[in-house]
Amino acid sequence: MLITVGSITTAARLAAILERNTGCPAETVHTPAAVNKGGCSYSIRFPEQHIERARELISEYKVPVKKYYSETICGGRREYHDISR
């Protein structure tokens, strides 16, 4: 799972919120070129089974996010599917 945000500060804050409240690891990464629509962007990568809880926490803590993506690996390459609602 990948959630894109606008700044490194927001990414670090969101990663800490997710780790603290779900117990799962959340990694801060540069947004992959395949989904970056220009400009500087950061993302949080974490296990997809926690997406519903993550959405709740994002709403509760009012964290501004850009998009939500599911990730699959096909032929050794990561593919991203926009699941924003």
Protein backbone atom coordinates (compact mmCIF):
# COMPACT_ATOMS: atom_id res chain seq x y z
CA MET A 1 0.00 0.00 0.00
CA LEU A 2 1.23 3.48 -0.84
CA ILE A 3 -0.21 6.77 0.39
CA THR A 4 1.15 9.92 -1.24
CA VAL A 5 1.53 13.17 0.70
CA GLY A 6 2.98 16.59 -0.07
CA SER A 7 5.94 16.90 2.29
CA ILE A 8 8.53 14.94 4.23
CA THR A 9 7.10 16.38 7.46
CA THR A 10 3.62 15.06 6.67
CA ALA A 11 5.10 11.70 5.64
CA ALA A 12 7.03 11.36 8.91
CA ARG A 13 3.98 12.37 10.94
CA LEU A 14 1.73 9.89 9.12
CA ALA A 15 4.26 7.07 9.45
CA ALA A 16 4.48 7.67 13.21
CA ILE A 17 0.68 7.74 13.55
CA LEU A 18 0.31 4.48 11.60
CA GLU A 19 3.05 2.66 13.49
CA ARG A 20 1.79 3.82 16.88
CA ASN A 21 -1.86 2.94 16.21
CA THR A 22 -1.62 -0.19 14.06
CA GLY A 23 1.63 -1.75 15.22
CA CYS A 24 2.68 -2.27 11.60
CA PRO A 25 5.83 -0.87 10.03
CA ALA A 26 5.35 2.24 7.87
CA GLU A 27 8.21 3.34 5.61
CA THR A 28 8.67 6.90 4.34
CA VAL A 29 9.81 6.90 0.69
CA HIS A 30 10.08 9.29 -2.25
CA THR A 31 6.95 8.91 -4.36
CA PRO A 32 7.74 6.54 -7.26
CA ALA A 33 7.99 8.21 -10.68
CA ALA A 34 5.17 5.99 -11.96
CA VAL A 35 2.65 7.85 -9.78
CA ASN A 36 4.34 11.20 -9.14
CA LYS A 37 2.49 13.85 -11.13
CA GLY A 38 5.20 16.47 -10.82
CA GLY A 39 6.84 18.31 -7.99
CA CYS A 40 8.29 16.99 -4.80
CA SER A 41 6.25 14.26 -3.17
CA TYR A 42 6.71 11.68 -0.47
CA SER A 43 4.81 8.52 0.32
CA ILE A 44 4.20 6.06 3.09
CA ARG A 45 4.47 2.36 2.28
CA PHE A 46 2.80 -0.09 4.66
CA PRO A 47 0.93 -3.45 4.63
CA GLU A 48 -2.34 -3.25 2.67
CA GLN A 49 -4.37 -5.13 5.27
CA HIS A 50 -4.29 -1.97 7.41
CA ILE A 51 -5.87 0.36 4.83
CA GLU A 52 -9.23 0.81 6.56
CA ARG A 53 -7.60 1.65 9.89
CA ALA A 54 -5.19 3.98 8.08
CA ARG A 55 -8.09 5.86 6.48
CA GLU A 56 -9.73 6.24 9.90
CA LEU A 57 -6.53 7.58 11.44
CA ILE A 58 -5.92 9.98 8.54
CA SER A 59 -9.40 11.39 9.04
CA GLU A 60 -9.08 11.51 12.83
CA TYR A 61 -5.69 13.27 12.76
CA LYS A 62 -6.63 15.41 9.72
CA VAL A 63 -3.53 14.39 7.77
CA PRO A 64 -3.63 15.83 4.22
CA VAL A 65 -3.05 13.07 1.67
CA LYS A 66 -2.95 13.18 -2.12
CA LYS A 67 -3.75 9.62 -3.24
CA TYR A 68 -3.99 6.00 -2.13
CA TYR A 69 -2.45 3.22 -4.24
CA SER A 70 -2.39 -0.52 -3.99
CA GLU A 71 0.90 -2.08 -5.09
CA THR A 72 1.48 -5.33 -6.92
CA ILE A 73 4.65 -6.82 -8.28
CA CYS A 74 4.31 -8.11 -11.82
CA GLY A 75 7.31 -9.41 -13.73
CA GLY A 76 9.65 -7.99 -11.11
CA ARG A 77 8.20 -4.47 -11.45
CA ARG A 78 5.91 -2.63 -9.06
CA GLU A 79 2.55 -1.64 -10.46
CA TYR A 80 0.32 0.94 -8.80
CA HIS A 81 -3.49 1.10 -8.86
CA ASP A 82 -5.25 4.24 -7.66
CA ILE A 83 -7.78 3.29 -4.95
CA SER A 84 -8.55 6.82 -3.75
CA ARG A 85 -12.18 7.47 -2.96
